[in-house]
């Protein structure tokens, strides 16, 4: 399994954790904050393992879209109108790979 596949798998696995938290009675805000934090941790971990020049391209795109190299903050998402549920969904769904971003623009 390549690096991108491992990242996508790890991000999708967050959905299981979110479901467990929901089953345990956690609020949508609590789940969203936990999933968001874990997604940012995974993104940082996998970005550091990404070979150049892709790493630089990923960081540049992330800064361009979110204003920092680590991705959107909770404050950014909330100011953009994202609900807690939308934040959970976004945190558990991998974004476009850099190859798609390079070929299709922002990939958004």
Protein backbone atom coordinates (compact mmCIF):
# COMPACT_ATOMS: atom_id res chain seq x y z
CA UNK A 1 0.00 0.00 0.00
CA UNK A 2 1.50 3.35 -1.00
CA UNK A 3 1.65 6.45 1.21
CA UNK A 4 -1.46 8.06 -0.28
CA UNK A 5 -3.49 4.86 0.15
CA UNK A 6 -2.37 4.56 3.76
CA UNK A 7 -3.39 8.18 4.40
CA UNK A 8 -6.81 7.71 2.80
CA UNK A 9 -7.36 4.53 4.80
CA UNK A 10 -6.39 6.26 8.07
CA UNK A 11 -8.72 9.19 7.33
CA UNK A 12 -11.65 6.91 6.46
CA UNK A 13 -11.05 4.98 9.68
CA UNK A 14 -11.90 8.16 11.58
CA UNK A 15 -15.52 7.53 10.59
CA UNK A 16 -15.57 4.43 12.82
CA UNK A 17 -14.29 6.45 15.75
CA UNK A 18 -16.87 9.17 15.14
CA UNK A 19 -19.64 6.56 15.07
CA UNK A 20 -18.38 5.06 18.34
CA UNK A 21 -18.28 8.49 19.97
CA UNK A 22 -21.82 9.20 18.78
CA UNK A 23 -22.99 5.84 20.13
CA UNK A 24 -21.37 6.72 23.47
CA UNK A 25 -23.41 9.94 23.60
CA UNK A 26 -20.78 12.53 22.68
CA UNK A 27 -22.12 15.78 21.27
CA UNK A 28 -21.64 16.69 17.62
CA UNK A 29 -19.28 19.48 18.68
CA UNK A 30 -17.14 17.11 20.77
CA UNK A 31 -16.96 14.59 17.92
CA UNK A 32 -16.18 17.31 15.35
CA UNK A 33 -13.37 18.74 17.45
CA UNK A 34 -11.87 15.28 18.05
CA UNK A 35 -12.11 14.25 14.38
CA UNK A 36 -10.75 17.59 13.22
CA UNK A 37 -7.76 17.35 15.56
CA UNK A 38 -7.02 13.78 14.52
CA UNK A 39 -7.33 14.64 10.83
CA UNK A 40 -4.86 17.50 11.22
CA UNK A 41 -2.50 15.16 13.07
CA UNK A 42 -2.74 12.58 10.28
CA UNK A 43 -2.28 15.23 7.59
CA UNK A 44 0.84 16.55 9.29
CA UNK A 45 2.27 13.06 9.80
CA UNK A 46 1.71 12.01 6.20
CA UNK A 47 2.84 15.34 4.72
CA UNK A 48 6.17 14.93 6.48
CA UNK A 49 6.56 11.50 4.84
CA UNK A 50 5.66 12.79 1.37
CA UNK A 51 8.63 13.09 -0.98
CA UNK A 52 9.50 16.29 -2.76
CA UNK A 53 8.34 18.00 -4.90
CA UNK A 54 4.88 16.80 -3.85
CA UNK A 55 5.32 17.87 -0.22
CA UNK A 56 6.00 21.46 -1.22
CA UNK A 57 3.07 21.45 -3.65
CA UNK A 58 0.75 20.13 -0.95
CA UNK A 59 1.90 22.75 1.57
CA UNK A 60 1.57 25.53 -1.02
CA UNK A 61 -1.95 24.48 -1.93
CA UNK A 62 -2.96 24.15 1.71
CA UNK A 63 -1.70 27.66 2.49
CA UNK A 64 -3.42 29.03 -0.61
CA UNK A 65 -6.79 27.45 0.29
CA UNK A 66 -6.78 27.61 4.11
CA UNK A 67 -4.25 30.29 5.01
CA UNK A 68 -1.85 27.94 6.78
CA UNK A 69 0.09 24.78 5.99
CA UNK A 70 -1.82 22.57 8.43
CA UNK A 71 -5.27 22.90 6.89
CA UNK A 72 -8.45 24.57 8.04
CA UNK A 73 -8.89 25.42 11.70
CA UNK A 74 -12.18 24.84 13.49
CA UNK A 75 -12.62 28.62 13.48
CA UNK A 76 -12.10 28.73 9.70
CA UNK A 77 -14.67 25.98 9.14
CA UNK A 78 -17.24 27.56 11.44
CA UNK A 79 -16.73 31.00 9.86
CA UNK A 80 -17.26 29.31 6.48
CA UNK A 81 -20.67 28.14 7.68
CA UNK A 82 -19.77 24.50 8.36
CA UNK A 83 -21.95 22.74 10.90
CA UNK A 84 -20.45 20.34 13.42
CA UNK A 85 -21.87 17.48 11.35
CA UNK A 86 -20.28 18.86 8.15
CA UNK A 87 -16.99 19.21 10.01
CA UNK A 88 -17.16 15.55 11.06
CA UNK A 89 -17.95 14.47 7.51
CA UNK A 90 -15.11 16.55 6.08
CA UNK A 91 -12.60 15.28 8.63
CA UNK A 92 -13.41 11.67 7.76
CA UNK A 93 -13.20 12.11 3.97
CA UNK A 94 -9.82 12.34 2.23
CA UNK A 95 -9.38 15.26 -0.14
CA UNK A 96 -7.99 15.14 -3.66
CA UNK A 97 -4.52 13.79 -4.19
CA UNK A 98 -1.84 16.16 -5.44
CA UNK A 99 -1.95 14.48 -8.86
CA UNK A 100 -5.63 15.41 -9.20
CA UNK A 101 -4.95 18.87 -7.86
CA UNK A 102 -2.19 19.35 -10.42
CA UNK A 103 -4.40 18.17 -13.26
CA UNK A 104 -7.72 19.76 -12.23
CA UNK A 105 -6.80 22.97 -10.42
CA UNK A 106 -7.69 23.17 -6.72
CA UNK A 107 -9.51 19.83 -6.60
CA UNK A 108 -12.34 21.46 -4.65
